[in-house]
Amino acid sequence: MTITAELVADTRCAVGESPVWDQRDQRLYWVDIDAATIYRMEPDGAIRAWRMAEKIGCIAPHSGGGWIAAMQSTIRRLHLRDEARFDEEVIARVQHATSPMRFNDGRCDRQGRFWAGTMFEDTSAGNPAGRLYQYTGKGLSFSGIDGLVVTNGMAFSPDGRAMYLADSWRATRLVWKFDYDVATGTPTNRRVFVDMHAHVGRPDGAAIDAEGCYWICSADGGCVLRFDPSGRQVGRIDVPVKKPTMAAFGGPRLDTMYITSIRPKNIDLSDQPLAGGLFVARPGVIGLPEPAFDPAA
């Protein structure tokens, strides 16, 4: 049975991304990359926003309070305050291979290491300058995984022993699966998990449910696809926009799926007036709490 997501917030984000359900305050946070903005949805549906100094690719909770964020060329520690105020600290800088580049998709592994990938900003160029980085209390390090055009799809299995990564570039459209050493934070044995050429759309952001299934947003496909650990499609959620970007499980029981999206520029949106909105669905399974960054990991 196909489920259809419904609009919950008409935020019209240029590039909505990185939804995170925060267990600490039971609220959903997400970003608009191009607007350099973090959003939060209150229990009554009201939306609060914080404008950052740089474009912001992804966020993750910090175990010491606040957030860790991968931005244009920095990793920052953030504390969001009242009245759109915030405190920030640059904790790492990346030397990009070329310009202009920025961080894109990322999240923490089950042990609390922060992972984030970079990309060349003009995605139409197909520039494989993207790299995958890991940030720990010891600093920022290159993982050795490069040659990526649009880094996406980062996720970890419930036991943390498998890592997923995707490239959204139209000529690539692959999701890879790695064996993951939880003690050292090292991914090995890279292999194709899902070839999206056999499915609708391109792989974007991802989520893992408690059953170990991988949910990937299908950019240009207008849906979120569910794959079991063997890579077989076992579910689908339709979204009333063409470019859903990332899904996250939330709600007190983690049984609600929130889905961000893109509002493309300079095209006719009459067939998708809700583009850029935040959507919600009931997938029939529960998710897992989003891991927080742990400097001791």
C-alpha atoms as a PDB file:
ATOM      1  CA  MET A   1       0.000   0.000   0.000  1.00  0.00           C
ATOM      2  CA  THR A   2       1.308   3.461  -0.931  1.00  0.00           C
ATOM      3  CA  ILE A   3       0.999   6.195   1.704  1.00  0.00           C
ATOM      4  CA  THR A   4       0.646   9.879   0.833  1.00  0.00           C
ATOM      5  CA  ALA A   5       2.359  12.603   2.867  1.00  0.00           C
ATOM      6  CA  GLU A   6       0.493  15.778   3.795  1.00  0.00           C
ATOM      7  CA  LEU A   7       1.712  19.345   4.233  1.00  0.00           C
ATOM      8  CA  VAL A   8       2.376  20.385   7.826  1.00  0.00           C
ATOM      9  CA  ALA A   9       4.304  23.649   7.288  1.00  0.00           C
ATOM     10  CA  ASP A  10       4.278  25.824   4.150  1.00  0.00           C
ATOM     11  CA  THR A  11       7.794  27.188   4.688  1.00  0.00           C
ATOM     12  CA  ARG A  12       8.685  27.347   0.966  1.00  0.00           C
ATOM     13  CA  CYS A  13      12.318  26.505   1.629  1.00  0.00           C
ATOM     14  CA  ALA A  14      14.674  26.965  -1.303  1.00  0.00           C
ATOM     15  CA  VAL A  15      16.531  23.816  -0.196  1.00  0.00           C
ATOM     16  CA  GLY A  16      14.851  22.281   2.848  1.00  0.00           C
ATOM     17  CA  GLU A  17      17.099  19.618   4.403  1.00  0.00           C
ATOM     18  CA  SER A  18      18.374  17.815   7.501  1.00  0.00           C
ATOM     19  CA  PRO A  19      15.170  17.317   9.529  1.00  0.00           C
ATOM     20  CA  VAL A  20      16.001  16.162  13.073  1.00  0.00           C
ATOM     21  CA  TRP A  21      13.577  15.258  15.841  1.00  0.00           C
ATOM     22  CA  ASP A  22      15.224  16.467  19.041  1.00  0.00           C
ATOM     23  CA  GLN A  23      14.530  14.060  21.905  1.00  0.00           C
ATOM     24  CA  ARG A  24      15.538  16.755  24.393  1.00  0.00           C
ATOM     25  CA  ASP A  25      12.696  19.182  23.718  1.00  0.00           C
ATOM     26  CA  GLN A  26      10.415  16.995  21.565  1.00  0.00           C
ATOM     27  CA  ARG A  27      10.515  19.364  18.590  1.00  0.00           C
ATOM     28  CA  LEU A  28      11.452  19.084  14.950  1.00  0.00           C
ATOM     29  CA  TYR A  29      14.348  21.103  13.556  1.00  0.00           C
ATOM     30  CA  TRP A  30      15.418  21.426   9.921  1.00  0.00           C
ATOM     31  CA  VAL A  31      17.402  23.767   7.670  1.00  0.00           C
ATOM     32  CA  ASP A  32      17.045  25.768   4.482  1.00  0.00           C
ATOM     33  CA  ILE A  33      20.529  25.487   3.024  1.00  0.00           C
ATOM     34  CA  ASP A  34      20.383  28.413   0.613  1.00  0.00           C
ATOM     35  CA  ALA A  35      18.684  30.701   3.130  1.00  0.00           C
ATOM     36  CA  ALA A  36      21.293  29.809   5.810  1.00  0.00           C
ATOM     37  CA  THR A  37      18.404  29.257   8.217  1.00  0.00           C
ATOM     38  CA  ILE A  38      17.512  26.738  10.936  1.00  0.00           C
ATOM     39  CA  TYR A  39      13.797  26.188  11.568  1.00  0.00           C
ATOM     40  CA  ARG A  40      11.973  24.721  14.559  1.00  0.00           C
ATOM     41  CA  MET A  41       8.349  23.656  14.685  1.00  0.00           C
ATOM     42  CA  GLU A  42       6.610  24.247  18.010  1.00  0.00           C
ATOM     43  CA  PRO A  43       3.970  21.882  19.435  1.00  0.00           C
ATOM     44  CA  ASP A  44       1.236  24.308  18.336  1.00  0.00           C
ATOM     45  CA  GLY A  45       2.580  24.337  14.768  1.00  0.00           C
ATOM     46  CA  ALA A  46       4.256  27.738  15.011  1.00  0.00           C
ATOM     47  CA  ILE A  47       7.601  28.049  13.216  1.00  0.00           C
ATOM     48  CA  ARG A  48      10.698  29.730  14.639  1.00  0.00           C
ATOM     49  CA  ALA A  49      13.787  30.572  12.615  1.00  0.00           C
ATOM     50  CA  TRP A  50      17.457  31.404  13.156  1.00  0.00           C
ATOM     51  CA  ARG A  51      19.529  32.944  10.334  1.00  0.00           C
ATOM     52  CA  MET A  52      23.146  31.749  10.253  1.00  0.00           C
ATOM     53  CA  ALA A  53      26.306  33.413   8.948  1.00  0.00           C
ATOM     54  CA  GLU A  54      26.933  30.720   6.309  1.00  0.00           C
ATOM     55  CA  LYS A  55      24.864  28.303   4.290  1.00  0.00           C
ATOM     56  CA  ILE A  56      24.124  25.312   6.493  1.00  0.00           C
ATOM     57  CA  GLY A  57      24.113  21.791   5.084  1.00  0.00           C
ATOM     58  CA  CYS A  58      23.181  19.634   8.067  1.00  0.00           C
ATOM     59  CA  ILE A  59      22.774  19.619  11.833  1.00  0.00           C
ATOM     60  CA  ALA A  60      22.996  17.071  14.640  1.00  0.00           C
ATOM     61  CA  PRO A  61      22.364  17.321  18.386  1.00  0.00           C
ATOM     62  CA  HIS A  62      25.426  17.884  20.585  1.00  0.00           C
ATOM     63  CA  SER A  63      25.622  15.757  23.737  1.00  0.00           C
ATOM     64  CA  GLY A  64      26.855  18.780  25.684  1.00  0.00           C
ATOM     65  CA  GLY A  65      23.850  20.857  24.617  1.00  0.00           C
ATOM     66  CA  GLY A  66      23.048  22.760  21.474  1.00  0.00           C
ATOM     67  CA  TRP A  67      23.983  21.572  18.008  1.00  0.00           C
ATOM     68  CA  ILE A  68      26.857  20.699  15.735  1.00  0.00           C
ATOM     69  CA  ALA A  69      26.484  21.970  12.169  1.00  0.00           C
ATOM     70  CA  ALA A  70      28.308  21.521   8.864  1.00  0.00           C
ATOM     71  CA  MET A  71      28.141  24.817   6.988  1.00  0.00           C
ATOM     72  CA  GLN A  72      29.798  26.420   3.954  1.00  0.00           C
ATOM     73  CA  SER A  73      33.382  25.687   4.933  1.00  0.00           C
ATOM     74  CA  THR A  74      33.212  25.245   8.699  1.00  0.00           C
ATOM     75  CA  ILE A  75      31.962  22.916  11.410  1.00  0.00           C
ATOM     76  CA  ARG A  76      30.298  24.960  14.151  1.00  0.00           C
ATOM     77  CA  ARG A  77      28.871  24.484  17.610  1.00  0.00           C
ATOM     78  CA  LEU A  78      25.549  26.291  17.939  1.00  0.00           C
ATOM     79  CA  HIS A  79      23.286  27.272  20.828  1.00  0.00           C
ATOM     80  CA  LEU A  80      19.911  28.605  19.693  1.00  0.00           C
ATOM     81  CA  ARG A  81      18.496  31.323  21.946  1.00  0.00           C
ATOM     82  CA  ASP A  82      15.287  33.315  22.198  1.00  0.00           C
ATOM     83  CA  GLU A  83      14.243  36.006  19.709  1.00  0.00           C
ATOM     84  CA  ALA A  84      16.196  34.451  16.830  1.00  0.00           C
ATOM     85  CA  ARG A  85      19.503  34.936  18.661  1.00  0.00           C
ATOM     86  CA  PHE A  86      22.194  32.258  18.805  1.00  0.00           C
ATOM     87  CA  ASP A  87      25.727  31.637  20.028  1.00  0.00           C
ATOM     88  CA  GLU A  88      28.223  29.959  17.734  1.00  0.00           C
ATOM     89  CA  GLU A  89      31.792  28.703  17.759  1.00  0.00           C
ATOM     90  CA  VAL A  90      33.843  27.584  14.770  1.00  0.00           C
ATOM     91  CA  ILE A  91      35.367  24.246  15.791  1.00  0.00           C
ATOM     92  CA  ALA A  92      36.832  23.140  12.438  1.00  0.00           C
ATOM     93  CA  ARG A  93      37.514  24.427   8.937  1.00  0.00           C
ATOM     94  CA  VAL A  94      37.756  22.481   5.700  1.00  0.00           C
ATOM     95  CA  GLN A  95      40.040  23.283   2.781  1.00  0.00           C
ATOM     96  CA  HIS A  96      37.793  22.635  -0.208  1.00  0.00           C
ATOM     97  CA  ALA A  97      39.285  21.193  -3.404  1.00  0.00           C
ATOM     98  CA  THR A  98      37.877  24.066  -5.468  1.00  0.00           C
ATOM     99  CA  SER A  99      35.345  26.901  -5.218  1.00  0.00           C
ATOM    100  CA  PRO A 100      32.493  27.401  -4.607  1.00  0.00           C
ATOM    101  CA  MET A 101      31.829  24.337  -2.466  1.00  0.00           C
ATOM    102  CA  ARG A 102      29.919  23.628   0.745  1.00  0.00           C
ATOM    103  CA  PHE A 103      28.934  20.863   3.123  1.00  0.00           C
ATOM    104  CA  ASN A 104      25.746  19.013   2.288  1.00  0.00           C
ATOM    105  CA  ASP A 105      24.297  15.863   3.882  1.00  0.00           C
ATOM    106  CA  GLY A 106      25.511  14.461   7.203  1.00  0.00           C
ATOM    107  CA  ARG A 107      24.721  13.036  10.630  1.00  0.00           C
ATOM    108  CA  CYS A 108      26.302  11.241  13.597  1.00  0.00           C
ATOM    109  CA  ASP A 109      27.036   7.531  13.747  1.00  0.00           C
ATOM    110  CA  ARG A 110      25.675   5.466  16.648  1.00  0.00           C
ATOM    111  CA  GLN A 111      28.773   6.209  18.709  1.00  0.00           C
ATOM    112  CA  GLY A 112      28.526   9.988  18.250  1.00  0.00           C
ATOM    113  CA  ARG A 113      31.063  10.711  15.503  1.00  0.00           C
ATOM    114  CA  PHE A 114      29.843  13.427  13.120  1.00  0.00           C
ATOM    115  CA  TRP A 115      29.986  12.659   9.385  1.00  0.00           C
ATOM    116  CA  ALA A 116      29.382  15.197   6.596  1.00  0.00           C
ATOM    117  CA  GLY A 117      30.050  15.356   2.869  1.00  0.00           C
ATOM    118  CA  THR A 118      30.971  18.245   0.614  1.00  0.00           C
ATOM    119  CA  MET A 119      29.848  19.164  -2.912  1.00  0.00           C
ATOM    120  CA  PHE A 120      30.513  21.666  -5.683  1.00  0.00           C
ATOM    121  CA  GLU A 121      27.675  24.174  -5.509  1.00  0.00           C
ATOM    122  CA  ASP A 122      26.784  24.178  -9.215  1.00  0.00           C
ATOM    123  CA  THR A 123      25.380  20.666  -9.372  1.00  0.00           C
ATOM    124  CA  SER A 124      24.761  20.952 -13.122  1.00  0.00           C
ATOM    125  CA  ALA A 125      28.538  20.941 -13.647  1.00  0.00           C
ATOM    126  CA  GLY A 126      28.843  17.319 -12.479  1.00  0.00           C
ATOM    127  CA  ASN A 127      32.085  18.162 -10.660  1.00  0.00           C
ATOM    128  CA  PRO A 128      33.223  15.128  -8.592  1.00  0.00           C
ATOM    129  CA  ALA A 129      35.066  17.295  -6.061  1.00  0.00           C
ATOM    130  CA  GLY A 130      32.937  16.112  -3.137  1.00  0.00           C
ATOM    131  CA  ARG A 131      34.556  14.371  -0.181  1.00  0.00           C
ATOM    132  CA  LEU A 132      33.301  12.664   2.955  1.00  0.00           C
ATOM    133  CA  TYR A 133      34.656  13.905   6.296  1.00  0.00           C
ATOM    134  CA  GLN A 134      34.486  12.738   9.898  1.00  0.00           C
ATOM    135  CA  TYR A 135      34.601  15.097  12.857  1.00  0.00           C
ATOM    136  CA  THR A 136      35.423  13.889  16.385  1.00  0.00           C
ATOM    137  CA  GLY A 137      36.809  15.465  19.516  1.00  0.00           C
ATOM    138  CA  LYS A 138      40.230  15.079  17.869  1.00  0.00           C
ATOM    139  CA  GLY A 139      39.253  17.263  14.937  1.00  0.00           C
ATOM    140  CA  LEU A 140      38.195  17.015  11.292  1.00  0.00           C
ATOM    141  CA  SER A 141      39.607  14.261   9.090  1.00  0.00           C
ATOM    142  CA  PHE A 142      39.136  13.135   5.481  1.00  0.00           C
ATOM    143  CA  SER A 143      37.657   9.646   5.286  1.00  0.00           C
ATOM    144  CA  GLY A 144      39.377   8.703   2.045  1.00  0.00           C
ATOM    145  CA  ILE A 145      36.029   8.611   0.233  1.00  0.00           C
ATOM    146  CA  ASP A 146      35.973  11.138  -2.598  1.00  0.00           C
ATOM    147  CA  GLY A 147      34.921  11.526  -6.232  1.00  0.00           C
ATOM    148  CA  LEU A 148      31.391  12.500  -5.176  1.00  0.00           C
ATOM    149  CA  VAL A 149      29.252  15.009  -7.060  1.00  0.00           C
ATOM    150  CA  VAL A 150      26.277  15.430  -4.683  1.00  0.00           C
ATOM    151  CA  THR A 151      26.963  13.718  -1.364  1.00  0.00           C
ATOM    152  CA  ASN A 152      23.749  12.394   0.171  1.00  0.00           C
ATOM    153  CA  GLY A 153      21.948   9.467   1.779  1.00  0.00           C
ATOM    154  CA  MET A 154      24.108   9.188   4.911  1.00  0.00           C
ATOM    155  CA  ALA A 155      22.672   6.699   7.426  1.00  0.00           C
ATOM    156  CA  PHE A 156      23.716   3.975   9.861  1.00  0.00           C
ATOM    157  CA  SER A 157      22.067   0.646  10.617  1.00  0.00           C
ATOM    158  CA  PRO A 158      20.453   0.174  14.057  1.00  0.00           C
ATOM    159  CA  ASP A 159      23.482  -1.754  15.357  1.00  0.00           C
ATOM    160  CA  GLY A 160      25.842   0.772  13.747  1.00  0.00           C
ATOM    161  CA  ARG A 161      27.708  -1.881  11.777  1.00  0.00           C
ATOM    162  CA  ALA A 162      26.580  -0.714   8.346  1.00  0.00           C
ATOM    163  CA  MET A 163      26.989   2.747   6.827  1.00  0.00           C
ATOM    164  CA  TYR A 164      25.027   4.046   3.839  1.00  0.00           C
ATOM    165  CA  LEU A 165      26.047   6.800   1.420  1.00  0.00           C
ATOM    166  CA  ALA A 166      24.554   8.066  -1.857  1.00  0.00           C
ATOM    167  CA  ASP A 167      25.425  10.318  -4.771  1.00  0.00           C
ATOM    168  CA  SER A 168      22.438  12.186  -6.244  1.00  0.00           C
ATOM    169  CA  TRP A 169      24.187  13.146  -9.495  1.00  0.00           C
ATOM    170  CA  ARG A 170      21.943  12.171 -12.392  1.00  0.00           C
ATOM    171  CA  ALA A 171      24.604  10.017 -14.051  1.00  0.00           C
ATOM    172  CA  THR A 172      25.473   8.227 -10.796  1.00  0.00           C
ATOM    173  CA  ARG A 173      22.218   7.723  -8.824  1.00  0.00           C
ATOM    174  CA  LEU A 174      23.693   5.084  -6.520  1.00  0.00           C
ATOM    175  CA  VAL A 175      23.362   4.205  -2.857  1.00  0.00           C
ATOM    176  CA  TRP A 176      26.347   2.356  -1.398  1.00  0.00           C
ATOM    177  CA  LYS A 177      26.562   0.203   1.708  1.00  0.00           C
ATOM    178  CA  PHE A 178      29.750  -0.188   3.773  1.00  0.00           C
ATOM    179  CA  ASP A 179      30.785  -2.429   6.623  1.00  0.00           C
ATOM    180  CA  TYR A 180      31.431  -0.100   9.550  1.00  0.00           C
ATOM    181  CA  ASP A 181      33.884  -0.678  12.395  1.00  0.00           C
ATOM    182  CA  VAL A 182      32.112   0.812  15.414  1.00  0.00           C
ATOM    183  CA  ALA A 183      35.331   0.860  17.459  1.00  0.00           C
ATOM    184  CA  THR A 184      37.392   2.895  15.003  1.00  0.00           C
ATOM    185  CA  GLY A 185      34.681   4.591  12.917  1.00  0.00           C
ATOM    186  CA  THR A 186      36.105   3.134   9.707  1.00  0.00           C
ATOM    187  CA  PRO A 187      33.924   2.192   6.687  1.00  0.00           C
ATOM    188  CA  THR A 188      35.143  -0.651   4.436  1.00  0.00           C
ATOM    189  CA  ASN A 189      33.839  -3.047   1.751  1.00  0.00           C
ATOM    190  CA  ARG A 190      31.979  -0.456  -0.307  1.00  0.00           C
ATOM    191  CA  ARG A 191      29.363  -2.013  -2.603  1.00  0.00           C
ATOM    192  CA  VAL A 192      26.219  -0.917  -4.449  1.00  0.00           C
ATOM    193  CA  PHE A 193      23.156  -1.216  -2.220  1.00  0.00           C
ATOM    194  CA  VAL A 194      20.543   0.380  -4.510  1.00  0.00           C
ATOM    195  CA  ASP A 195      20.939   1.451  -8.124  1.00  0.00           C
ATOM    196  CA  MET A 196      18.314   4.170  -8.491  1.00  0.00           C
ATOM    197  CA  HIS A 197      18.421   3.829 -12.268  1.00  0.00           C
ATOM    198  CA  ALA A 198      16.043   0.926 -11.624  1.00  0.00           C
ATOM    199  CA  HIS A 199      13.719   3.131  -9.569  1.00  0.00           C
ATOM    200  CA  VAL A 200      12.062   6.523  -9.882  1.00  0.00           C
ATOM    201  CA  GLY A 201      14.113   9.667  -9.282  1.00  0.00           C
ATOM    202  CA  ARG A 202      17.536  10.277  -7.724  1.00  0.00           C
ATOM    203  CA  PRO A 203      18.674   9.371  -4.179  1.00  0.00           C
ATOM    204  CA  ASP A 204      18.694  12.278  -1.726  1.00  0.00           C
ATOM    205  CA  GLY A 205      18.534  12.246   2.115  1.00  0.00           C
ATOM    206  CA  ALA A 206      17.798   9.112   4.120  1.00  0.00           C
ATOM    207  CA  ALA A 207      16.484   7.689   7.382  1.00  0.00           C
ATOM    208  CA  ILE A 208      16.680   4.268   9.055  1.00  0.00           C
ATOM    209  CA  ASP A 209      13.747   2.661  10.863  1.00  0.00           C
ATOM    210  CA  ALA A 210      13.861   0.336  13.880  1.00  0.00           C
ATOM    211  CA  GLU A 211      13.564  -2.696  11.591  1.00  0.00           C
ATOM    212  CA  GLY A 212      16.793  -1.732   9.841  1.00  0.00           C
ATOM    213  CA  CYS A 213      15.131  -0.607   6.628  1.00  0.00           C
ATOM    214  CA  TYR A 214      16.533   2.336   4.685  1.00  0.00           C
ATOM    215  CA  TRP A 215      14.214   5.159   3.569  1.00  0.00           C
ATOM    216  CA  ILE A 216      15.569   7.330   0.749  1.00  0.00           C
ATOM    217  CA  CYS A 217      13.943  10.475  -0.622  1.00  0.00           C
ATOM    218  CA  SER A 218      13.572  10.336  -4.396  1.00  0.00           C
ATOM    219  CA  ALA A 219      14.444  13.749  -5.825  1.00  0.00           C
ATOM    220  CA  ASP A 220      12.500  14.310  -9.052  1.00  0.00           C
ATOM    221  CA  GLY A 221      10.510  11.184  -8.195  1.00  0.00           C
ATOM    222  CA  GLY A 222       8.116  12.774  -5.702  1.00  0.00           C
ATOM    223  CA  CYS A 223       8.325   9.966  -3.155  1.00  0.00           C
ATOM    224  CA  VAL A 224      10.242   8.299  -0.338  1.00  0.00           C
ATOM    225  CA  LEU A 225      11.236   4.676  -0.993  1.00  0.00           C
ATOM    226  CA  ARG A 226      11.832   2.023   1.666  1.00  0.00           C
ATOM    227  CA  PHE A 227      14.451  -0.705   1.128  1.00  0.00           C
ATOM    228  CA  ASP A 228      15.110  -3.697   3.355  1.00  0.00           C
ATOM    229  CA  PRO A 229      18.735  -4.467   4.399  1.00  0.00           C
ATOM    230  CA  SER A 230      19.215  -6.575   1.255  1.00  0.00           C
ATOM    231  CA  GLY A 231      18.312  -3.635  -1.016  1.00  0.00           C
ATOM    232  CA  ARG A 232      14.829  -4.818  -1.983  1.00  0.00           C
ATOM    233  CA  GLN A 233      12.126  -2.133  -2.218  1.00  0.00           C
ATOM    234  CA  VAL A 234       9.420  -2.851   0.355  1.00  0.00           C
ATOM    235  CA  GLY A 235       7.515   0.432   0.721  1.00  0.00           C
ATOM    236  CA  ARG A 236       6.759   3.876  -0.655  1.00  0.00           C
ATOM    237  CA  ILE A 237       5.394   7.221   0.520  1.00  0.00           C
ATOM    238  CA  ASP A 238       4.203   9.672  -2.136  1.00  0.00           C
ATOM    239  CA  VAL A 239       4.894  13.370  -1.558  1.00  0.00           C
ATOM    240  CA  PRO A 240       2.927  16.094  -3.444  1.00  0.00           C
ATOM    241  CA  VAL A 241       6.135  17.771  -4.704  1.00  0.00           C
ATOM    242  CA  LYS A 242       8.788  16.641  -7.155  1.00  0.00           C
ATOM    243  CA  LYS A 243      11.845  17.093  -4.960  1.00  0.00           C
ATOM    244  CA  PRO A 244      11.531  15.670  -1.431  1.00  0.00           C
ATOM    245  CA  THR A 245      14.975  15.892   0.130  1.00  0.00           C
ATOM    246  CA  MET A 246      15.261  14.079   3.466  1.00  0.00           C
ATOM    247  CA  ALA A 247      13.088  12.174   5.913  1.00  0.00           C
ATOM    248  CA  ALA A 248      13.251  11.897   9.704  1.00  0.00           C
ATOM    249  CA  PHE A 249      11.261   9.940  12.256  1.00  0.00           C
ATOM    250  CA  GLY A 250       9.756  12.015  15.043  1.00  0.00           C
ATOM    251  CA  GLY A 251       6.932  12.450  17.479  1.00  0.00           C
ATOM    252  CA  PRO A 252       6.870  11.117  21.066  1.00  0.00           C
ATOM    253  CA  ARG A 253       6.775   7.525  19.779  1.00  0.00           C
ATOM    254  CA  LEU A 254       8.981   8.137  16.718  1.00  0.00           C
ATOM    255  CA  ASP A 255       6.137   6.865  14.544  1.00  0.00           C
ATOM    256  CA  THR A 256       5.767  10.002  12.410  1.00  0.00           C
ATOM    257  CA  MET A 257       7.854  10.729   9.340  1.00  0.00           C
ATOM    258  CA  TYR A 258       8.748  14.331   8.521  1.00  0.00           C
ATOM    259  CA  ILE A 259       9.910  15.129   4.992  1.00  0.00           C
ATOM    260  CA  THR A 260      11.629  18.299   3.759  1.00  0.00           C
ATOM    261  CA  SER A 261      11.635  19.500   0.155  1.00  0.00           C
ATOM    262  CA  ILE A 262      13.052  21.924  -2.418  1.00  0.00           C
ATOM    263  CA  ARG A 263      11.326  24.895  -4.033  1.00  0.00           C
ATOM    264  CA  PRO A 264      13.101  25.226  -7.412  1.00  0.00           C
ATOM    265  CA  LYS A 265      13.783  28.679  -8.815  1.00  0.00           C
ATOM    266  CA  ASN A 266      12.683  30.059 -12.172  1.00  0.00           C
ATOM    267  CA  ILE A 267      10.309  27.255 -13.123  1.00  0.00           C
ATOM    268  CA  ASP A 268       6.545  26.947 -13.257  1.00  0.00           C
ATOM    269  CA  LEU A 269       5.333  25.567  -9.915  1.00  0.00           C
ATOM    270  CA  SER A 270       1.649  25.446 -10.792  1.00  0.00           C
ATOM    271  CA  ASP A 271       1.747  21.640 -10.640  1.00  0.00           C
ATOM    272  CA  GLN A 272       3.519  21.634  -7.247  1.00  0.00           C
ATOM    273  CA  PRO A 273       2.524  24.785  -5.346  1.00  0.00           C
ATOM    274  CA  LEU A 274       3.598  23.217  -2.028  1.00  0.00           C
ATOM    275  CA  ALA A 275       7.233  22.817  -3.113  1.00  0.00           C
ATOM    276  CA  GLY A 276       9.624  23.767  -0.315  1.00  0.00           C
ATOM    277  CA  GLY A 277       7.165  22.746   2.379  1.00  0.00           C
ATOM    278  CA  LEU A 278       7.515  20.328   5.280  1.00  0.00           C
ATOM    279  CA  PHE A 279       5.402  17.190   4.999  1.00  0.00           C
ATOM    280  CA  VAL A 280       4.256  14.499   7.396  1.00  0.00           C
ATOM    281  CA  ALA A 281       3.224  10.857   7.005  1.00  0.00           C
ATOM    282  CA  ARG A 282       2.505   7.796   9.137  1.00  0.00           C
ATOM    283  CA  PRO A 283       4.746   5.071   7.695  1.00  0.00           C
ATOM    284  CA  GLY A 284       3.465   2.261   9.927  1.00  0.00           C
ATOM    285  CA  VAL A 285       6.879   1.636  11.525  1.00  0.00           C
ATOM    286  CA  ILE A 286       8.907   3.478  14.155  1.00  0.00           C
ATOM    287  CA  GLY A 287      12.263   5.134  13.837  1.00  0.00           C
ATOM    288  CA  LEU A 288      15.313   5.473  16.059  1.00  0.00           C
ATOM    289  CA  PRO A 289      16.460   8.435  18.167  1.00  0.00           C
ATOM    290  CA  GLU A 290      18.914  10.619  16.255  1.00  0.00           C
ATOM    291  CA  PRO A 291      22.409  10.092  17.738  1.00  0.00           C
ATOM    292  CA  ALA A 292      24.053  13.117  19.338  1.00  0.00           C
ATOM    293  CA  PHE A 293      27.625  14.198  18.758  1.00  0.00           C
ATOM    294  CA  ASP A 294      29.901  12.930  21.522  1.00  0.00           C
ATOM    295  CA  PRO A 295      33.357  14.584  21.735  1.00  0.00           C
ATOM    296  CA  ALA A 296      34.645  11.469  23.499  1.00  0.00           C
ATOM    297  CA  ALA A 297      33.624   9.094  20.707  1.00  0.00           C
END
